[in-house]
Amino acid sequence: MGLIYDVGDIVTLKKGHPCGSKEWEILRVGADFRLKCMGCGHMIMVPRKMVEKNTRNLKKKTQE
């Protein structure tokens, strides 16, 4: 079984965004993910398979 992704988690992907950041915040989880770049704030929609394949690290959000 793979990683469990939740809204608010930070994922580090293999390839970096053109702004230089490799970290993305998860805004939506489902068949597609909505990710927000932690460097410049750009938002993208990507298929779940791409995120699962290219994830290097997953930082869970802190519970407050």
PDB file of N, CA and C in Angstrom:
ATOM      1  N   MET A   1       0.841  -1.181   0.000  1.00  0.00           N
ATOM      2  CA  MET A   1       0.000   0.000   0.000  1.00  0.00           C
ATOM      3  C   MET A   1       0.883   1.240   0.000  1.00  0.00           C
ATOM      4  N   GLY A   2       0.473   2.265  -0.716  1.00  0.00           N
ATOM      5  CA  GLY A   2       1.265   3.479  -0.848  1.00  0.00           C
ATOM      6  C   GLY A   2       1.020   4.465   0.280  1.00  0.00           C
ATOM      7  N   LEU A   3       1.512   5.647   0.078  1.00  0.00           N
ATOM      8  CA  LEU A   3       1.352   6.719   1.052  1.00  0.00           C
ATOM      9  C   LEU A   3      -0.097   7.189   1.095  1.00  0.00           C
ATOM     10  N   ILE A   4      -0.507   7.730   2.232  1.00  0.00           N
ATOM     11  CA  ILE A   4      -1.845   8.298   2.370  1.00  0.00           C
ATOM     12  C   ILE A   4      -1.707   9.814   2.314  1.00  0.00           C
ATOM     13  N   TYR A   5      -2.338  10.412   1.321  1.00  0.00           N
ATOM     14  CA  TYR A   5      -2.260  11.848   1.101  1.00  0.00           C
ATOM     15  C   TYR A   5      -3.494  12.524   1.688  1.00  0.00           C
ATOM     16  N   ASP A   6      -3.290  13.651   2.377  1.00  0.00           N
ATOM     17  CA  ASP A   6      -4.386  14.436   2.934  1.00  0.00           C
ATOM     18  C   ASP A   6      -4.229  15.889   2.516  1.00  0.00           C
ATOM     19  N   VAL A   7      -5.346  16.620   2.508  1.00  0.00           N
ATOM     20  CA  VAL A   7      -5.309  18.047   2.206  1.00  0.00           C
ATOM     21  C   VAL A   7      -4.457  18.744   3.267  1.00  0.00           C
ATOM     22  N   GLY A   8      -3.572  19.625   2.823  1.00  0.00           N
ATOM     23  CA  GLY A   8      -2.695  20.354   3.736  1.00  0.00           C
ATOM     24  C   GLY A   8      -1.301  19.761   3.860  1.00  0.00           C
ATOM     25  N   ASP A   9      -1.112  18.523   3.403  1.00  0.00           N
ATOM     26  CA  ASP A   9       0.215  17.900   3.438  1.00  0.00           C
ATOM     27  C   ASP A   9       1.130  18.574   2.417  1.00  0.00           C
ATOM     28  N   ILE A  10       2.436  18.488   2.646  1.00  0.00           N
ATOM     29  CA  ILE A  10       3.437  19.032   1.729  1.00  0.00           C
ATOM     30  C   ILE A  10       4.172  17.856   1.090  1.00  0.00           C
ATOM     31  N   VAL A  11       4.180  17.812  -0.254  1.00  0.00           N
ATOM     32  CA  VAL A  11       4.909  16.762  -0.962  1.00  0.00           C
ATOM     33  C   VAL A  11       6.122  17.362  -1.656  1.00  0.00           C
ATOM     34  N   THR A  12       7.213  16.614  -1.658  1.00  0.00           N
ATOM     35  CA  THR A  12       8.403  16.975  -2.419  1.00  0.00           C
ATOM     36  C   THR A  12       8.433  16.060  -3.630  1.00  0.00           C
ATOM     37  N   LEU A  13       8.410  16.651  -4.830  1.00  0.00           N
ATOM     38  CA  LEU A  13       8.397  15.875  -6.065  1.00  0.00           C
ATOM     39  C   LEU A  13       9.795  15.789  -6.660  1.00  0.00           C
ATOM     40  N   LYS A  14       9.998  14.830  -7.567  1.00  0.00           N
ATOM     41  CA  LYS A  14      11.302  14.622  -8.202  1.00  0.00           C
ATOM     42  C   LYS A  14      11.756  15.841  -8.985  1.00  0.00           C
ATOM     43  N   LYS A  15      10.869  16.369  -9.825  1.00  0.00           N
ATOM     44  CA  LYS A  15      11.232  17.512 -10.665  1.00  0.00           C
ATOM     45  C   LYS A  15      10.787  18.805 -10.001  1.00  0.00           C
ATOM     46  N   GLY A  16      11.605  19.821 -10.114  1.00  0.00           N
ATOM     47  CA  GLY A  16      11.278  21.108  -9.535  1.00  0.00           C
ATOM     48  C   GLY A  16      10.415  21.955 -10.459  1.00  0.00           C
ATOM     49  N   HIS A  17       9.720  22.908  -9.875  1.00  0.00           N
ATOM     50  CA  HIS A  17       8.944  23.892 -10.626  1.00  0.00           C
ATOM     51  C   HIS A  17       9.933  24.897 -11.217  1.00  0.00           C
ATOM     52  N   PRO A  18       9.604  25.563 -12.321  1.00  0.00           N
ATOM     53  CA  PRO A  18      10.524  26.549 -12.904  1.00  0.00           C
ATOM     54  C   PRO A  18      10.966  27.652 -11.930  1.00  0.00           C
ATOM     55  N   CYS A  19      10.185  27.910 -10.872  1.00  0.00           N
ATOM     56  CA  CYS A  19      10.585  28.929  -9.890  1.00  0.00           C
ATOM     57  C   CYS A  19      11.712  28.417  -8.988  1.00  0.00           C
ATOM     58  N   GLY A  20      11.985  27.105  -9.027  1.00  0.00           N
ATOM     59  CA  GLY A  20      13.075  26.539  -8.233  1.00  0.00           C
ATOM     60  C   GLY A  20      12.620  25.680  -7.065  1.00  0.00           C
ATOM     61  N   SER A  21      11.347  25.751  -6.705  1.00  0.00           N
ATOM     62  CA  SER A  21      10.833  24.984  -5.575  1.00  0.00           C
ATOM     63  C   SER A  21      10.444  23.571  -5.998  1.00  0.00           C
ATOM     64  N   LYS A  22      10.666  22.597  -5.110  1.00  0.00           N
ATOM     65  CA  LYS A  22      10.240  21.218  -5.360  1.00  0.00           C
ATOM     66  C   LYS A  22       9.109  20.821  -4.419  1.00  0.00           C
ATOM     67  N   GLU A  23       8.690  21.740  -3.552  1.00  0.00           N
ATOM     68  CA  GLU A  23       7.655  21.433  -2.566  1.00  0.00           C
ATOM     69  C   GLU A  23       6.301  21.974  -3.008  1.00  0.00           C
ATOM     70  N   TRP A  24       5.275  21.147  -2.805  1.00  0.00           N
ATOM     71  CA  TRP A  24       3.909  21.484  -3.198  1.00  0.00           C
ATOM     72  C   TRP A  24       2.970  21.188  -2.040  1.00  0.00           C
ATOM     73  N   GLU A  25       1.978  22.065  -1.825  1.00  0.00           N
ATOM     74  CA  GLU A  25       0.936  21.834  -0.828  1.00  0.00           C
ATOM     75  C   GLU A  25      -0.257  21.191  -1.519  1.00  0.00           C
ATOM     76  N   ILE A  26      -0.825  20.166  -0.908  1.00  0.00           N
ATOM     77  CA  ILE A  26      -1.995  19.490  -1.475  1.00  0.00           C
ATOM     78  C   ILE A  26      -3.248  20.267  -1.084  1.00  0.00           C
ATOM     79  N   LEU A  27      -4.011  20.711  -2.092  1.00  0.00           N
ATOM     80  CA  LEU A  27      -5.250  21.447  -1.856  1.00  0.00           C
ATOM     81  C   LEU A  27      -6.486  20.587  -2.102  1.00  0.00           C
ATOM     82  N   ARG A  28      -6.365  19.549  -2.924  1.00  0.00           N
ATOM     83  CA  ARG A  28      -7.489  18.670  -3.260  1.00  0.00           C
ATOM     84  C   ARG A  28      -6.947  17.270  -3.500  1.00  0.00           C
ATOM     85  N   VAL A  29      -7.664  16.266  -2.991  1.00  0.00           N
ATOM     86  CA  VAL A  29      -7.264  14.875  -3.159  1.00  0.00           C
ATOM     87  C   VAL A  29      -8.410  14.121  -3.823  1.00  0.00           C
ATOM     88  N   GLY A  30      -8.084  13.262  -4.759  1.00  0.00           N
ATOM     89  CA  GLY A  30      -9.076  12.441  -5.453  1.00  0.00           C
ATOM     90  C   GLY A  30      -8.381  11.733  -6.595  1.00  0.00           C
ATOM     91  N   ALA A  31      -9.098  11.534  -7.701  1.00  0.00           N
ATOM     92  CA  ALA A  31      -8.469  10.957  -8.890  1.00  0.00           C
ATOM     93  C   ALA A  31      -7.414  11.914  -9.426  1.00  0.00           C
ATOM     94  N   ASP A  32      -7.661  13.219  -9.246  1.00  0.00           N
ATOM     95  CA  ASP A  32      -6.693  14.268  -9.583  1.00  0.00           C
ATOM     96  C   ASP A  32      -6.344  15.023  -8.309  1.00  0.00           C
ATOM     97  N   PHE A  33      -5.135  15.541  -8.258  1.00  0.00           N
ATOM     98  CA  PHE A  33      -4.697  16.354  -7.124  1.00  0.00           C
ATOM     99  C   PHE A  33      -4.596  17.802  -7.574  1.00  0.00           C
ATOM    100  N   ARG A  34      -4.992  18.750  -6.718  1.00  0.00           N
ATOM    101  CA  ARG A  34      -4.697  20.162  -6.953  1.00  0.00           C
ATOM    102  C   ARG A  34      -3.538  20.482  -6.024  1.00  0.00           C
ATOM    103  N   LEU A  35      -2.442  20.954  -6.624  1.00  0.00           N
ATOM    104  CA  LEU A  35      -1.233  21.279  -5.870  1.00  0.00           C
ATOM    105  C   LEU A  35      -0.920  22.754  -6.002  1.00  0.00           C
ATOM    106  N   LYS A  36      -0.380  23.336  -4.920  1.00  0.00           N
ATOM    107  CA  LYS A  36       0.053  24.736  -4.939  1.00  0.00           C
ATOM    108  C   LYS A  36       1.545  24.776  -4.665  1.00  0.00           C
ATOM    109  N   CYS A  37       2.295  25.431  -5.551  1.00  0.00           N
ATOM    110  CA  CYS A  37       3.741  25.558  -5.392  1.00  0.00           C
ATOM    111  C   CYS A  37       4.040  26.371  -4.137  1.00  0.00           C
ATOM    112  N   MET A  38       4.950  25.874  -3.306  1.00  0.00           N
ATOM    113  CA  MET A  38       5.312  26.581  -2.077  1.00  0.00           C
ATOM    114  C   MET A  38       6.233  27.760  -2.354  1.00  0.00           C
ATOM    115  N   GLY A  39       6.814  27.812  -3.555  1.00  0.00           N
ATOM    116  CA  GLY A  39       7.707  28.915  -3.899  1.00  0.00           C
ATOM    117  C   GLY A  39       6.971  30.132  -4.419  1.00  0.00           C
ATOM    118  N   CYS A  40       6.114  29.924  -5.437  1.00  0.00           N
ATOM    119  CA  CYS A  40       5.488  31.074  -6.102  1.00  0.00           C
ATOM    120  C   CYS A  40       3.968  31.098  -5.982  1.00  0.00           C
ATOM    121  N   GLY A  41       3.351  30.028  -5.480  1.00  0.00           N
ATOM    122  CA  GLY A  41       1.902  30.008  -5.298  1.00  0.00           C
ATOM    123  C   GLY A  41       1.112  29.535  -6.509  1.00  0.00           C
ATOM    124  N   HIS A  42       1.793  29.125  -7.580  1.00  0.00           N
ATOM    125  CA  HIS A  42       1.114  28.644  -8.787  1.00  0.00           C
ATOM    126  C   HIS A  42       0.369  27.345  -8.472  1.00  0.00           C
ATOM    127  N   MET A  43      -0.867  27.204  -8.994  1.00  0.00           N
ATOM    128  CA  MET A  43      -1.667  26.008  -8.742  1.00  0.00           C
ATOM    129  C   MET A  43      -1.814  25.174 -10.007  1.00  0.00           C
ATOM    130  N   ILE A  44      -1.734  23.847  -9.839  1.00  0.00           N
ATOM    131  CA  ILE A  44      -1.879  22.923 -10.964  1.00  0.00           C
ATOM    132  C   ILE A  44      -2.781  21.760 -10.560  1.00  0.00           C
ATOM    133  N   MET A  45      -3.381  21.111 -11.563  1.00  0.00           N
ATOM    134  CA  MET A  45      -4.126  19.865 -11.362  1.00  0.00           C
ATOM    135  C   MET A  45      -3.329  18.761 -12.041  1.00  0.00           C
ATOM    136  N   VAL A  46      -3.042  17.693 -11.316  1.00  0.00           N
ATOM    137  CA  VAL A  46      -2.287  16.575 -11.883  1.00  0.00           C
ATOM    138  C   VAL A  46      -2.960  15.262 -11.492  1.00  0.00           C
ATOM    139  N   PRO A  47      -2.824  14.234 -12.330  1.00  0.00           N
ATOM    140  CA  PRO A  47      -3.406  12.924 -11.996  1.00  0.00           C
ATOM    141  C   PRO A  47      -2.738  12.307 -10.767  1.00  0.00           C
ATOM    142  N   ARG A  48      -3.512  11.558 -10.008  1.00  0.00           N
ATOM    143  CA  ARG A  48      -3.011  10.890  -8.802  1.00  0.00           C
ATOM    144  C   ARG A  48      -1.797  10.013  -9.113  1.00  0.00           C
ATOM    145  N   LYS A  49      -1.829   9.293 -10.239  1.00  0.00           N
ATOM    146  CA  LYS A  49      -0.711   8.407 -10.596  1.00  0.00           C
ATOM    147  C   LYS A  49       0.599   9.175 -10.705  1.00  0.00           C
ATOM    148  N   MET A  50       0.550  10.396 -11.278  1.00  0.00           N
ATOM    149  CA  MET A  50       1.770  11.186 -11.424  1.00  0.00           C
ATOM    150  C   MET A  50       2.328  11.579 -10.057  1.00  0.00           C
ATOM    151  N   VAL A  51       1.452  11.978  -9.140  1.00  0.00           N
ATOM    152  CA  VAL A  51       1.908  12.367  -7.801  1.00  0.00           C
ATOM    153  C   VAL A  51       2.494  11.156  -7.078  1.00  0.00           C
ATOM    154  N   GLU A  52       1.800  10.024  -7.127  1.00  0.00           N
ATOM    155  CA  GLU A  52       2.294   8.824  -6.444  1.00  0.00           C
ATOM    156  C   GLU A  52       3.632   8.370  -7.006  1.00  0.00           C
ATOM    157  N   LYS A  53       3.805   8.471  -8.315  1.00  0.00           N
ATOM    158  CA  LYS A  53       5.039   8.033  -8.967  1.00  0.00           C
ATOM    159  C   LYS A  53       6.215   8.960  -8.658  1.00  0.00           C
ATOM    160  N   ASN A  54       5.962  10.279  -8.585  1.00  0.00           N
ATOM    161  CA  ASN A  54       7.042  11.259  -8.479  1.00  0.00           C
ATOM    162  C   ASN A  54       7.278  11.806  -7.073  1.00  0.00           C
ATOM    163  N   THR A  55       6.590  11.285  -6.060  1.00  0.00           N
ATOM    164  CA  THR A  55       6.777  11.773  -4.693  1.00  0.00           C
ATOM    165  C   THR A  55       8.102  11.277  -4.126  1.00  0.00           C
ATOM    166  N   ARG A  56       8.904  12.216  -3.618  1.00  0.00           N
ATOM    167  CA  ARG A  56      10.166  11.882  -2.937  1.00  0.00           C
ATOM    168  C   ARG A  56       9.970  11.861  -1.426  1.00  0.00           C
ATOM    169  N   ASN A  57       9.166  12.808  -0.916  1.00  0.00           N
ATOM    170  CA  ASN A  57       8.997  12.961   0.522  1.00  0.00           C
ATOM    171  C   ASN A  57       7.591  13.494   0.784  1.00  0.00           C
ATOM    172  N   LEU A  58       7.011  13.107   1.907  1.00  0.00           N
ATOM    173  CA  LEU A  58       5.684  13.578   2.292  1.00  0.00           C
ATOM    174  C   LEU A  58       5.751  14.082   3.720  1.00  0.00           C
ATOM    175  N   LYS A  59       5.441  15.369   3.913  1.00  0.00           N
ATOM    176  CA  LYS A  59       5.393  15.955   5.253  1.00  0.00           C
ATOM    177  C   LYS A  59       3.931  16.126   5.619  1.00  0.00           C
ATOM    178  N   LYS A  60       3.500  15.443   6.669  1.00  0.00           N
ATOM    179  CA  LYS A  60       2.116  15.541   7.107  1.00  0.00           C
ATOM    180  C   LYS A  60       1.889  16.880   7.786  1.00  0.00           C
ATOM    181  N   LYS A  61       0.670  17.415   7.633  1.00  0.00           N
ATOM    182  CA  LYS A  61       0.346  18.667   8.318  1.00  0.00           C
ATOM    183  C   LYS A  61       0.273  18.401   9.813  1.00  0.00           C
ATOM    184  N   THR A  62       0.576  19.400  10.603  1.00  0.00           N
ATOM    185  CA  THR A  62       0.540  19.243  12.053  1.00  0.00           C
ATOM    186  C   THR A  62      -0.890  19.422  12.536  1.00  0.00           C
ATOM    187  N   GLN A  63      -1.293  18.606  13.477  1.00  0.00           N
ATOM    188  CA  GLN A  63      -2.633  18.710  14.054  1.00  0.00           C
ATOM    189  C   GLN A  63      -2.595  19.735  15.175  1.00  0.00           C
ATOM    190  N   GLU A  64      -3.491  20.694  15.122  1.00  0.00           N
ATOM    191  CA  GLU A  64      -3.514  21.755  16.148  1.00  0.00           C
ATOM    192  C   GLU A  64      -4.752  21.666  16.989  1.00  0.00           C
TER     193      GLU A  64
END
